[in-house]
Amino acid sequence: MNIQIFGKSKCFDTKKAERYFKERRIPFQSIDLKRCDMSPREFESVLRAVGGIDNLIDWNGKAPEITLMRYMDDVRAKEDHVFENPLLMKTPVVRNGKLATVGYCPEIWASWD
């Protein structure tokens, strides 16, 4: 397993995800989205794994861009906007190769063993 956790340092669900893998002694790489962005290939892989950009956006976020994105029809424009501003993503984004989840999903991570 090659687990990567993309999250925000102050995100409660990101901390829960890290604790989940620590408790099971599963090694992981933690990446803070405030300091490091996803590479274009990582971003495309996550989009495919989670089923599109609408599943990746944190619709409950307080950023004003989220309100504008609700009314955007152009999927590619949404993808570009989120790629340029990764703090609009719902966290944590947990990757295991080509598999990925958004949010706290221990029931899915358990099946990755």
PDB file of N, CA and C in Angstrom:
ATOM      1  N   MET A   1       0.825  -1.185   0.000  1.00  0.00           N
ATOM      2  CA  MET A   1       0.000   0.000   0.000  1.00  0.00           C
ATOM      3  C   MET A   1       0.869   1.248   0.000  1.00  0.00           C
ATOM      4  N   ASN A   2       0.468   2.221  -0.786  1.00  0.00           N
ATOM      5  CA  ASN A   2       1.182   3.490  -0.859  1.00  0.00           C
ATOM      6  C   ASN A   2       0.153   4.600  -0.622  1.00  0.00           C
ATOM      7  N   ILE A   3      -0.083   4.907   0.637  1.00  0.00           N
ATOM      8  CA  ILE A   3      -1.138   5.837   1.019  1.00  0.00           C
ATOM      9  C   ILE A   3      -0.613   7.267   1.044  1.00  0.00           C
ATOM     10  N   GLN A   4      -1.362   8.164   0.428  1.00  0.00           N
ATOM     11  CA  GLN A   4      -1.094   9.596   0.503  1.00  0.00           C
ATOM     12  C   GLN A   4      -2.342  10.257   1.056  1.00  0.00           C
ATOM     13  N   ILE A   5      -2.164  11.137   2.043  1.00  0.00           N
ATOM     14  CA  ILE A   5      -3.283  11.886   2.605  1.00  0.00           C
ATOM     15  C   ILE A   5      -3.066  13.363   2.299  1.00  0.00           C
ATOM     16  N   PHE A   6      -3.910  13.899   1.435  1.00  0.00           N
ATOM     17  CA  PHE A   6      -3.882  15.329   1.122  1.00  0.00           C
ATOM     18  C   PHE A   6      -4.919  15.984   2.019  1.00  0.00           C
ATOM     19  N   GLY A   7      -4.483  16.960   2.810  1.00  0.00           N
ATOM     20  CA  GLY A   7      -5.430  17.607   3.706  1.00  0.00           C
ATOM     21  C   GLY A   7      -4.968  18.970   4.143  1.00  0.00           C
ATOM     22  N   LYS A   8      -5.718  19.515   5.066  1.00  0.00           N
ATOM     23  CA  LYS A   8      -5.396  20.809   5.649  1.00  0.00           C
ATOM     24  C   LYS A   8      -4.985  20.562   7.096  1.00  0.00           C
ATOM     25  N   SER A   9      -3.981  21.274   7.565  1.00  0.00           N
ATOM     26  CA  SER A   9      -3.434  21.026   8.892  1.00  0.00           C
ATOM     27  C   SER A   9      -4.466  21.204  10.007  1.00  0.00           C
ATOM     28  N   LYS A  10      -5.463  22.041   9.816  1.00  0.00           N
ATOM     29  CA  LYS A  10      -6.455  22.286  10.857  1.00  0.00           C
ATOM     30  C   LYS A  10      -7.772  21.551  10.613  1.00  0.00           C
ATOM     31  N   CYS A  11      -7.791  20.651   9.657  1.00  0.00           N
ATOM     32  CA  CYS A  11      -9.007  19.913   9.323  1.00  0.00           C
ATOM     33  C   CYS A  11      -9.167  18.716  10.259  1.00  0.00           C
ATOM     34  N   PHE A  12     -10.303  18.648  10.934  1.00  0.00           N
ATOM     35  CA  PHE A  12     -10.572  17.569  11.881  1.00  0.00           C
ATOM     36  C   PHE A  12     -10.600  16.207  11.193  1.00  0.00           C
ATOM     37  N   ASP A  13     -11.238  16.122  10.020  1.00  0.00           N
ATOM     38  CA  ASP A  13     -11.315  14.835   9.314  1.00  0.00           C
ATOM     39  C   ASP A  13      -9.950  14.372   8.807  1.00  0.00           C
ATOM     40  N   THR A  14      -9.078  15.312   8.460  1.00  0.00           N
ATOM     41  CA  THR A  14      -7.726  14.943   8.046  1.00  0.00           C
ATOM     42  C   THR A  14      -6.978  14.317   9.224  1.00  0.00           C
ATOM     43  N   LYS A  15      -7.114  14.893  10.391  1.00  0.00           N
ATOM     44  CA  LYS A  15      -6.460  14.337  11.585  1.00  0.00           C
ATOM     45  C   LYS A  15      -7.022  12.964  11.917  1.00  0.00           C
ATOM     46  N   LYS A  16      -8.349  12.779  11.747  1.00  0.00           N
ATOM     47  CA  LYS A  16      -8.945  11.470  11.992  1.00  0.00           C
ATOM     48  C   LYS A  16      -8.407  10.433  11.013  1.00  0.00           C
ATOM     49  N   ALA A  17      -8.239  10.819   9.753  1.00  0.00           N
ATOM     50  CA  ALA A  17      -7.710   9.893   8.745  1.00  0.00           C
ATOM     51  C   ALA A  17      -6.278   9.484   9.094  1.00  0.00           C
ATOM     52  N   GLU A  18      -5.452  10.448   9.483  1.00  0.00           N
ATOM     53  CA  GLU A  18      -4.072  10.138   9.876  1.00  0.00           C
ATOM     54  C   GLU A  18      -4.061   9.199  11.075  1.00  0.00           C
ATOM     55  N   ARG A  19      -4.927   9.458  12.038  1.00  0.00           N
ATOM     56  CA  ARG A  19      -5.001   8.594  13.218  1.00  0.00           C
ATOM     57  C   ARG A  19      -5.441   7.180  12.837  1.00  0.00           C
ATOM     58  N   TYR A  20      -6.402   7.073  11.886  1.00  0.00           N
ATOM     59  CA  TYR A  20      -6.877   5.776  11.428  1.00  0.00           C
ATOM     60  C   TYR A  20      -5.711   4.924  10.921  1.00  0.00           C
ATOM     61  N   PHE A  21      -4.862   5.500  10.070  1.00  0.00           N
ATOM     62  CA  PHE A  21      -3.747   4.739   9.506  1.00  0.00           C
ATOM     63  C   PHE A  21      -2.639   4.503  10.540  1.00  0.00           C
ATOM     64  N   LYS A  22      -2.405   5.459  11.438  1.00  0.00           N
ATOM     65  CA  LYS A  22      -1.398   5.263  12.491  1.00  0.00           C
ATOM     66  C   LYS A  22      -1.779   4.110  13.401  1.00  0.00           C
ATOM     67  N   GLU A  23      -3.058   4.061  13.800  1.00  0.00           N
ATOM     68  CA  GLU A  23      -3.526   2.999  14.697  1.00  0.00           C
ATOM     69  C   GLU A  23      -3.371   1.620  14.080  1.00  0.00           C
ATOM     70  N   ARG A  24      -3.436   1.518  12.774  1.00  0.00           N
ATOM     71  CA  ARG A  24      -3.301   0.237  12.082  1.00  0.00           C
ATOM     72  C   ARG A  24      -1.886  -0.003  11.580  1.00  0.00           C
ATOM     73  N   ARG A  25      -0.985   0.890  11.958  1.00  0.00           N
ATOM     74  CA  ARG A  25       0.430   0.816  11.577  1.00  0.00           C
ATOM     75  C   ARG A  25       0.610   0.706  10.064  1.00  0.00           C
ATOM     76  N   ILE A  26      -0.197   1.468   9.349  1.00  0.00           N
ATOM     77  CA  ILE A  26      -0.100   1.534   7.893  1.00  0.00           C
ATOM     78  C   ILE A  26       0.667   2.806   7.563  1.00  0.00           C
ATOM     79  N   PRO A  27       1.814   2.687   6.912  1.00  0.00           N
ATOM     80  CA  PRO A  27       2.586   3.900   6.591  1.00  0.00           C
ATOM     81  C   PRO A  27       1.847   4.765   5.571  1.00  0.00           C
ATOM     82  N   PHE A  28       1.966   6.071   5.752  1.00  0.00           N
ATOM     83  CA  PHE A  28       1.318   7.002   4.837  1.00  0.00           C
ATOM     84  C   PHE A  28       2.168   8.253   4.707  1.00  0.00           C
ATOM     85  N   GLN A  29       1.901   8.988   3.647  1.00  0.00           N
ATOM     86  CA  GLN A  29       2.567  10.270   3.414  1.00  0.00           C
ATOM     87  C   GLN A  29       1.499  11.351   3.567  1.00  0.00           C
ATOM     88  N   SER A  30       1.759  12.306   4.447  1.00  0.00           N
ATOM     89  CA  SER A  30       0.818  13.390   4.687  1.00  0.00           C
ATOM     90  C   SER A  30       1.260  14.628   3.913  1.00  0.00           C
ATOM     91  N   ILE A  31       0.334  15.219   3.155  1.00  0.00           N
ATOM     92  CA  ILE A  31       0.643  16.388   2.333  1.00  0.00           C
ATOM     93  C   ILE A  31      -0.338  17.495   2.686  1.00  0.00           C
ATOM     94  N   ASP A  32       0.187  18.631   3.128  1.00  0.00           N
ATOM     95  CA  ASP A  32      -0.637  19.778   3.495  1.00  0.00           C
ATOM     96  C   ASP A  32      -0.943  20.584   2.233  1.00  0.00           C
ATOM     97  N   LEU A  33      -2.220  20.690   1.894  1.00  0.00           N
ATOM     98  CA  LEU A  33      -2.622  21.395   0.673  1.00  0.00           C
ATOM     99  C   LEU A  33      -2.346  22.892   0.739  1.00  0.00           C
ATOM    100  N   LYS A  34      -2.154  23.430   1.932  1.00  0.00           N
ATOM    101  CA  LYS A  34      -1.835  24.853   2.042  1.00  0.00           C
ATOM    102  C   LYS A  34      -0.404  25.129   1.588  1.00  0.00           C
ATOM    103  N   ARG A  35       0.469  24.121   1.707  1.00  0.00           N
ATOM    104  CA  ARG A  35       1.878  24.307   1.335  1.00  0.00           C
ATOM    105  C   ARG A  35       2.229  23.661   0.007  1.00  0.00           C
ATOM    106  N   CYS A  36       1.671  22.501  -0.271  1.00  0.00           N
ATOM    107  CA  CYS A  36       2.011  21.756  -1.491  1.00  0.00           C
ATOM    108  C   CYS A  36       0.731  21.436  -2.267  1.00  0.00           C
ATOM    109  N   ASP A  37       0.766  21.660  -3.544  1.00  0.00           N
ATOM    110  CA  ASP A  37      -0.375  21.334  -4.396  1.00  0.00           C
ATOM    111  C   ASP A  37      -0.223  19.925  -4.950  1.00  0.00           C
ATOM    112  N   MET A  38      -1.307  19.392  -5.477  1.00  0.00           N
ATOM    113  CA  MET A  38      -1.243  18.115  -6.186  1.00  0.00           C
ATOM    114  C   MET A  38      -0.610  18.361  -7.548  1.00  0.00           C
ATOM    115  N   SER A  39       0.075  17.349  -8.040  1.00  0.00           N
ATOM    116  CA  SER A  39       0.592  17.443  -9.407  1.00  0.00           C
ATOM    117  C   SER A  39      -0.594  17.258 -10.359  1.00  0.00           C
ATOM    118  N   PRO A  40      -0.454  17.670 -11.606  1.00  0.00           N
ATOM    119  CA  PRO A  40      -1.560  17.482 -12.561  1.00  0.00           C
ATOM    120  C   PRO A  40      -1.985  16.013 -12.715  1.00  0.00           C
ATOM    121  N   ARG A  41      -1.016  15.104 -12.702  1.00  0.00           N
ATOM    122  CA  ARG A  41      -1.361  13.680 -12.829  1.00  0.00           C
ATOM    123  C   ARG A  41      -2.091  13.171 -11.595  1.00  0.00           C
ATOM    124  N   GLU A  42      -1.661  13.604 -10.404  1.00  0.00           N
ATOM    125  CA  GLU A  42      -2.355  13.207  -9.175  1.00  0.00           C
ATOM    126  C   GLU A  42      -3.792  13.719  -9.199  1.00  0.00           C
ATOM    127  N   PHE A  43      -3.955  14.971  -9.600  1.00  0.00           N
ATOM    128  CA  PHE A  43      -5.282  15.582  -9.647  1.00  0.00           C
ATOM    129  C   PHE A  43      -6.201  14.819 -10.603  1.00  0.00           C
ATOM    130  N   GLU A  44      -5.711  14.495 -11.794  1.00  0.00           N
ATOM    131  CA  GLU A  44      -6.511  13.748 -12.779  1.00  0.00           C
ATOM    132  C   GLU A  44      -6.863  12.357 -12.249  1.00  0.00           C
ATOM    133  N   SER A  45      -5.911  11.713 -11.581  1.00  0.00           N
ATOM    134  CA  SER A  45      -6.150  10.385 -11.013  1.00  0.00           C
ATOM    135  C   SER A  45      -7.240  10.441  -9.941  1.00  0.00           C
ATOM    136  N   VAL A  46      -7.180  11.447  -9.088  1.00  0.00           N
ATOM    137  CA  VAL A  46      -8.188  11.602  -8.030  1.00  0.00           C
ATOM    138  C   VAL A  46      -9.554  11.891  -8.651  1.00  0.00           C
ATOM    139  N   LEU A  47      -9.601  12.754  -9.651  1.00  0.00           N
ATOM    140  CA  LEU A  47     -10.883  13.057 -10.318  1.00  0.00           C
ATOM    141  C   LEU A  47     -11.533  11.798 -10.877  1.00  0.00           C
ATOM    142  N   ARG A  48     -10.747  10.962 -11.533  1.00  0.00           N
ATOM    143  CA  ARG A  48     -11.284   9.713 -12.094  1.00  0.00           C
ATOM    144  C   ARG A  48     -11.763   8.786 -10.984  1.00  0.00           C
ATOM    145  N   ALA A  49     -10.995   8.699  -9.899  1.00  0.00           N
ATOM    146  CA  ALA A  49     -11.322   7.760  -8.820  1.00  0.00           C
ATOM    147  C   ALA A  49     -12.564   8.167  -8.026  1.00  0.00           C
ATOM    148  N   VAL A  50     -12.788   9.476  -7.857  1.00  0.00           N
ATOM    149  CA  VAL A  50     -13.921   9.916  -7.037  1.00  0.00           C
ATOM    150  C   VAL A  50     -15.175  10.210  -7.856  1.00  0.00           C
ATOM    151  N   GLY A  51     -15.069  10.146  -9.168  1.00  0.00           N
ATOM    152  CA  GLY A  51     -16.248  10.307  -9.998  1.00  0.00           C
ATOM    153  C   GLY A  51     -16.526  11.719 -10.474  1.00  0.00           C
ATOM    154  N   GLY A  52     -15.510  12.558 -10.538  1.00  0.00           N
ATOM    155  CA  GLY A  52     -15.694  13.893 -11.102  1.00  0.00           C
ATOM    156  C   GLY A  52     -15.486  15.018 -10.121  1.00  0.00           C
ATOM    157  N   ILE A  53     -15.456  16.210 -10.659  1.00  0.00           N
ATOM    158  CA  ILE A  53     -15.124  17.398  -9.882  1.00  0.00           C
ATOM    159  C   ILE A  53     -16.179  17.730  -8.834  1.00  0.00           C
ATOM    160  N   ASP A  54     -17.436  17.458  -9.116  1.00  0.00           N
ATOM    161  CA  ASP A  54     -18.490  17.801  -8.148  1.00  0.00           C
ATOM    162  C   ASP A  54     -18.359  17.009  -6.851  1.00  0.00           C
ATOM    163  N   ASN A  55     -17.760  15.833  -6.900  1.00  0.00           N
ATOM    164  CA  ASN A  55     -17.528  15.043  -5.687  1.00  0.00           C
ATOM    165  C   ASN A  55     -16.290  15.502  -4.928  1.00  0.00           C
ATOM    166  N   LEU A  56     -15.455  16.279  -5.567  1.00  0.00           N
ATOM    167  CA  LEU A  56     -14.206  16.732  -4.949  1.00  0.00           C
ATOM    168  C   LEU A  56     -14.334  18.093  -4.277  1.00  0.00           C
ATOM    169  N   ILE A  57     -15.297  18.881  -4.704  1.00  0.00           N
ATOM    170  CA  ILE A  57     -15.459  20.236  -4.165  1.00  0.00           C
ATOM    171  C   ILE A  57     -16.126  20.188  -2.792  1.00  0.00           C
ATOM    172  N   ASP A  58     -15.629  21.020  -1.880  1.00  0.00           N
ATOM    173  CA  ASP A  58     -16.228  21.153  -0.547  1.00  0.00           C
ATOM    174  C   ASP A  58     -17.375  22.158  -0.647  1.00  0.00           C
ATOM    175  N   TRP A  59     -18.564  21.655  -0.922  1.00  0.00           N
ATOM    176  CA  TRP A  59     -19.720  22.529  -1.133  1.00  0.00           C
ATOM    177  C   TRP A  59     -20.142  23.247   0.142  1.00  0.00           C
ATOM    178  N   ASN A  60     -19.709  22.789   1.293  1.00  0.00           N
ATOM    179  CA  ASN A  60     -20.033  23.449   2.560  1.00  0.00           C
ATOM    180  C   ASN A  60     -18.984  24.474   2.961  1.00  0.00           C
ATOM    181  N   GLY A  61     -17.966  24.661   2.130  1.00  0.00           N
ATOM    182  CA  GLY A  61     -16.897  25.599   2.436  1.00  0.00           C
ATOM    183  C   GLY A  61     -17.379  27.040   2.454  1.00  0.00           C
ATOM    184  N   LYS A  62     -16.599  27.879   3.086  1.00  0.00           N
ATOM    185  CA  LYS A  62     -16.983  29.278   3.244  1.00  0.00           C
ATOM    186  C   LYS A  62     -16.389  30.192   2.164  1.00  0.00           C
ATOM    187  N   ALA A  63     -15.618  29.652   1.260  1.00  0.00           N
ATOM    188  CA  ALA A  63     -14.991  30.472   0.216  1.00  0.00           C
ATOM    189  C   ALA A  63     -16.061  31.006  -0.736  1.00  0.00           C
ATOM    190  N   PRO A  64     -15.973  32.276  -1.123  1.00  0.00           N
ATOM    191  CA  PRO A  64     -16.977  32.832  -2.041  1.00  0.00           C
ATOM    192  C   PRO A  64     -16.979  32.159  -3.416  1.00  0.00           C
ATOM    193  N   GLU A  65     -15.860  31.562  -3.807  1.00  0.00           N
ATOM    194  CA  GLU A  65     -15.796  30.888  -5.106  1.00  0.00           C
ATOM    195  C   GLU A  65     -16.749  29.701  -5.175  1.00  0.00           C
ATOM    196  N   ILE A  66     -17.011  29.082  -4.023  1.00  0.00           N
ATOM    197  CA  ILE A  66     -17.895  27.909  -3.984  1.00  0.00           C
ATOM    198  C   ILE A  66     -19.295  28.301  -4.456  1.00  0.00           C
ATOM    199  N   THR A  67     -19.782  29.442  -3.992  1.00  0.00           N
ATOM    200  CA  THR A  67     -21.112  29.901  -4.402  1.00  0.00           C
ATOM    201  C   THR A  67     -21.166  30.110  -5.914  1.00  0.00           C
ATOM    202  N   LEU A  68     -20.125  30.698  -6.470  1.00  0.00           N
ATOM    203  CA  LEU A  68     -20.092  30.913  -7.920  1.00  0.00           C
ATOM    204  C   LEU A  68     -20.014  29.597  -8.681  1.00  0.00           C
ATOM    205  N   MET A  69     -19.282  28.631  -8.136  1.00  0.00           N
ATOM    206  CA  MET A  69     -19.104  27.352  -8.833  1.00  0.00           C
ATOM    207  C   MET A  69     -20.387  26.534  -8.876  1.00  0.00           C
ATOM    208  N   ARG A  70     -21.315  26.797  -7.979  1.00  0.00           N
ATOM    209  CA  ARG A  70     -22.609  26.093  -8.006  1.00  0.00           C
ATOM    210  C   ARG A  70     -23.350  26.332  -9.328  1.00  0.00           C
ATOM    211  N   TYR A  71     -23.112  27.480  -9.921  1.00  0.00           N
ATOM    212  CA  TYR A  71     -23.846  27.869 -11.127  1.00  0.00           C
ATOM    213  C   TYR A  71     -23.026  27.706 -12.406  1.00  0.00           C
ATOM    214  N   MET A  72     -21.830  27.166 -12.288  1.00  0.00           N
ATOM    215  CA  MET A  72     -20.991  26.952 -13.467  1.00  0.00           C
ATOM    216  C   MET A  72     -21.392  25.657 -14.164  1.00  0.00           C
ATOM    217  N   ASP A  73     -21.564  25.725 -15.465  1.00  0.00           N
ATOM    218  CA  ASP A  73     -21.889  24.519 -16.237  1.00  0.00           C
ATOM    219  C   ASP A  73     -20.642  23.884 -16.837  1.00  0.00           C
ATOM    220  N   ASP A  74     -19.596  24.653 -16.996  1.00  0.00           N
ATOM    221  CA  ASP A  74     -18.373  24.179 -17.638  1.00  0.00           C
ATOM    222  C   ASP A  74     -17.533  23.359 -16.646  1.00  0.00           C
ATOM    223  N   VAL A  75     -17.532  22.044 -16.831  1.00  0.00           N
ATOM    224  CA  VAL A  75     -16.816  21.139 -15.928  1.00  0.00           C
ATOM    225  C   VAL A  75     -15.316  21.421 -15.954  1.00  0.00           C
ATOM    226  N   ARG A  76     -14.783  21.655 -17.129  1.00  0.00           N
ATOM    227  CA  ARG A  76     -13.334  21.900 -17.254  1.00  0.00           C
ATOM    228  C   ARG A  76     -12.932  23.180 -16.509  1.00  0.00           C
ATOM    229  N   ALA A  77     -13.772  24.195 -16.548  1.00  0.00           N
ATOM    230  CA  ALA A  77     -13.481  25.435 -15.823  1.00  0.00           C
ATOM    231  C   ALA A  77     -13.483  25.188 -14.315  1.00  0.00           C
ATOM    232  N   LYS A  78     -14.415  24.352 -13.834  1.00  0.00           N
ATOM    233  CA  LYS A  78     -14.436  23.993 -12.405  1.00  0.00           C
ATOM    234  C   LYS A  78     -13.153  23.263 -12.033  1.00  0.00           C
ATOM    235  N   GLU A  79     -12.761  22.294 -12.861  1.00  0.00           N
ATOM    236  CA  GLU A  79     -11.548  21.524 -12.594  1.00  0.00           C
ATOM    237  C   GLU A  79     -10.328  22.441 -12.527  1.00  0.00           C
ATOM    238  N   ASP A  80     -10.221  23.356 -13.479  1.00  0.00           N
ATOM    239  CA  ASP A  80      -9.088  24.281 -13.498  1.00  0.00           C
ATOM    240  C   ASP A  80      -9.083  25.168 -12.264  1.00  0.00           C
ATOM    241  N   HIS A  81     -10.250  25.631 -11.867  1.00  0.00           N
ATOM    242  CA  HIS A  81     -10.349  26.514 -10.701  1.00  0.00           C
ATOM    243  C   HIS A  81      -9.933  25.785  -9.415  1.00  0.00           C
ATOM    244  N   VAL A  82     -10.389  24.547  -9.259  1.00  0.00           N
ATOM    245  CA  VAL A  82     -10.042  23.771  -8.059  1.00  0.00           C
ATOM    246  C   VAL A  82      -8.562  23.380  -8.090  1.00  0.00           C
ATOM    247  N   PHE A  83      -8.034  23.052  -9.259  1.00  0.00           N
ATOM    248  CA  PHE A  83      -6.615  22.716  -9.357  1.00  0.00           C
ATOM    249  C   PHE A  83      -5.751  23.905  -8.950  1.00  0.00           C
ATOM    250  N   GLU A  84      -6.146  25.109  -9.356  1.00  0.00           N
ATOM    251  CA  GLU A  84      -5.389  26.312  -9.013  1.00  0.00           C
ATOM    252  C   GLU A  84      -5.563  26.711  -7.553  1.00  0.00           C
ATOM    253  N   ASN A  85      -6.685  26.350  -6.954  1.00  0.00           N
ATOM    254  CA  ASN A  85      -6.950  26.675  -5.556  1.00  0.00           C
ATOM    255  C   ASN A  85      -7.376  25.398  -4.827  1.00  0.00           C
ATOM    256  N   PRO A  86      -6.418  24.552  -4.407  1.00  0.00           N
ATOM    257  CA  PRO A  86      -6.757  23.254  -3.816  1.00  0.00           C
ATOM    258  C   PRO A  86      -7.483  23.344  -2.474  1.00  0.00           C
ATOM    259  N   LEU A  87      -7.526  24.525  -1.869  1.00  0.00           N
ATOM    260  CA  LEU A  87      -8.241  24.656  -0.607  1.00  0.00           C
ATOM    261  C   LEU A  87      -9.752  24.581  -0.794  1.00  0.00           C
ATOM    262  N   LEU A  88     -10.223  24.539  -2.050  1.00  0.00           N
ATOM    263  CA  LEU A  88     -11.644  24.367  -2.327  1.00  0.00           C
ATOM    264  C   LEU A  88     -12.060  22.898  -2.279  1.00  0.00           C
ATOM    265  N   MET A  89     -11.065  22.001  -2.131  1.00  0.00           N
ATOM    266  CA  MET A  89     -11.360  20.566  -2.088  1.00  0.00           C
ATOM    267  C   MET A  89     -11.854  20.159  -0.707  1.00  0.00           C
ATOM    268  N   LYS A  90     -12.739  19.173  -0.718  1.00  0.00           N
ATOM    269  CA  LYS A  90     -13.152  18.552   0.533  1.00  0.00           C
ATOM    270  C   LYS A  90     -11.992  17.675   0.991  1.00  0.00           C
ATOM    271  N   THR A  91     -11.648  17.742   2.246  1.00  0.00           N
ATOM    272  CA  THR A  91     -10.505  16.975   2.748  1.00  0.00           C
ATOM    273  C   THR A  91     -10.947  15.985   3.817  1.00  0.00           C
ATOM    274  N   PRO A  92     -10.186  14.943   4.030  1.00  0.00           N
ATOM    275  CA  PRO A  92      -8.953  14.580   3.354  1.00  0.00           C
ATOM    276  C   PRO A  92      -9.217  13.878   2.023  1.00  0.00           C
ATOM    277  N   VAL A  93      -8.266  14.021   1.129  1.00  0.00           N
ATOM    278  CA  VAL A  93      -8.248  13.237  -0.106  1.00  0.00           C
ATOM    279  C   VAL A  93      -7.201  12.158   0.143  1.00  0.00           C
ATOM    280  N   VAL A  94      -7.643  10.910   0.193  1.00  0.00           N
ATOM    281  CA  VAL A  94      -6.751   9.790   0.490  1.00  0.00           C
ATOM    282  C   VAL A  94      -6.568   8.968  -0.767  1.00  0.00           C
ATOM    283  N   ARG A  95      -5.311   8.816  -1.191  1.00  0.00           N
ATOM    284  CA  ARG A  95      -4.975   8.056  -2.404  1.00  0.00           C
ATOM    285  C   ARG A  95      -4.239   6.778  -2.043  1.00  0.00           C
ATOM    286  N   ASN A  96      -4.555   5.733  -2.774  1.00  0.00           N
ATOM    287  CA  ASN A  96      -3.823   4.479  -2.705  1.00  0.00           C
ATOM    288  C   ASN A  96      -3.668   4.002  -4.142  1.00  0.00           C
ATOM    289  N   GLY A  97      -2.598   4.433  -4.794  1.00  0.00           N
ATOM    290  CA  GLY A  97      -2.413   4.115  -6.208  1.00  0.00           C
ATOM    291  C   GLY A  97      -3.464   4.811  -7.042  1.00  0.00           C
ATOM    292  N   LYS A  98      -4.269   4.025  -7.774  1.00  0.00           N
ATOM    293  CA  LYS A  98      -5.327   4.610  -8.605  1.00  0.00           C
ATOM    294  C   LYS A  98      -6.640   4.756  -7.861  1.00  0.00           C
ATOM    295  N   LEU A  99      -6.701   4.274  -6.629  1.00  0.00           N
ATOM    296  CA  LEU A  99      -7.904   4.422  -5.809  1.00  0.00           C
ATOM    297  C   LEU A  99      -7.815   5.714  -5.011  1.00  0.00           C
ATOM    298  N   ALA A 100      -8.957   6.317  -4.730  1.00  0.00           N
ATOM    299  CA  ALA A 100      -8.961   7.549  -3.938  1.00  0.00           C
ATOM    300  C   ALA A 100     -10.323   7.733  -3.283  1.00  0.00           C
ATOM    301  N   THR A 101     -10.326   8.421  -2.142  1.00  0.00           N
ATOM    302  CA  THR A 101     -11.562   8.795  -1.471  1.00  0.00           C
ATOM    303  C   THR A 101     -11.484  10.262  -1.092  1.00  0.00           C
ATOM    304  N   VAL A 102     -12.635  10.847  -0.882  1.00  0.00           N
ATOM    305  CA  VAL A 102     -12.723  12.226  -0.426  1.00  0.00           C
ATOM    306  C   VAL A 102     -13.524  12.211   0.868  1.00  0.00           C
ATOM    307  N   GLY A 103     -12.976  12.826   1.907  1.00  0.00           N
ATOM    308  CA  GLY A 103     -13.629  12.822   3.203  1.00  0.00           C
ATOM    309  C   GLY A 103     -13.154  11.635   4.033  1.00  0.00           C
ATOM    310  N   TYR A 104     -13.743  11.489   5.201  1.00  0.00           N
ATOM    311  CA  TYR A 104     -13.368  10.407   6.119  1.00  0.00           C
ATOM    312  C   TYR A 104     -14.167   9.163   5.753  1.00  0.00           C
ATOM    313  N   CYS A 105     -13.502   8.132   5.211  1.00  0.00           N
ATOM    314  CA  CYS A 105     -14.167   6.932   4.687  1.00  0.00           C
ATOM    315  C   CYS A 105     -13.490   5.649   5.176  1.00  0.00           C
ATOM    316  N   PRO A 106     -13.500   5.352   6.478  1.00  0.00           N
ATOM    317  CA  PRO A 106     -12.788   4.166   6.964  1.00  0.00           C
ATOM    318  C   PRO A 106     -13.329   2.852   6.409  1.00  0.00           C
ATOM    319  N   GLU A 107     -14.613   2.803   6.066  1.00  0.00           N
ATOM    320  CA  GLU A 107     -15.173   1.565   5.523  1.00  0.00           C
ATOM    321  C   GLU A 107     -14.572   1.223   4.174  1.00  0.00           C
ATOM    322  N   ILE A 108     -14.211   2.229   3.396  1.00  0.00           N
ATOM    323  CA  ILE A 108     -13.559   1.986   2.100  1.00  0.00           C
ATOM    324  C   ILE A 108     -12.092   1.655   2.311  1.00  0.00           C
ATOM    325  N   TRP A 109     -11.420   2.371   3.218  1.00  0.00           N
ATOM    326  CA  TRP A 109      -9.989   2.134   3.473  1.00  0.00           C
ATOM    327  C   TRP A 109      -9.766   0.718   3.989  1.00  0.00           C
ATOM    328  N   ALA A 110     -10.704   0.185   4.755  1.00  0.00           N
ATOM    329  CA  ALA A 110     -10.569  -1.182   5.289  1.00  0.00           C
ATOM    330  C   ALA A 110     -10.501  -2.200   4.160  1.00  0.00           C
ATOM    331  N   SER A 111     -11.162  -1.934   3.048  1.00  0.00           N
ATOM    332  CA  SER A 111     -11.157  -2.873   1.922  1.00  0.00           C
ATOM    333  C   SER A 111      -9.859  -2.778   1.104  1.00  0.00           C
ATOM    334  N   TRP A 112      -9.021  -1.773   1.371  1.00  0.00           N
ATOM    335  CA  TRP A 112      -7.777  -1.616   0.645  1.00  0.00           C
ATOM    336  C   TRP A 112      -6.677  -2.555   1.144  1.00  0.00           C
ATOM    337  N   ASP A 113      -6.889  -3.214   2.265  1.00  0.00           N
ATOM    338  CA  ASP A 113      -5.846  -4.112   2.824  1.00  0.00           C
ATOM    339  C   ASP A 113      -5.496  -5.240   1.911  1.00  0.00           C
TER     340      ASP A 113
END
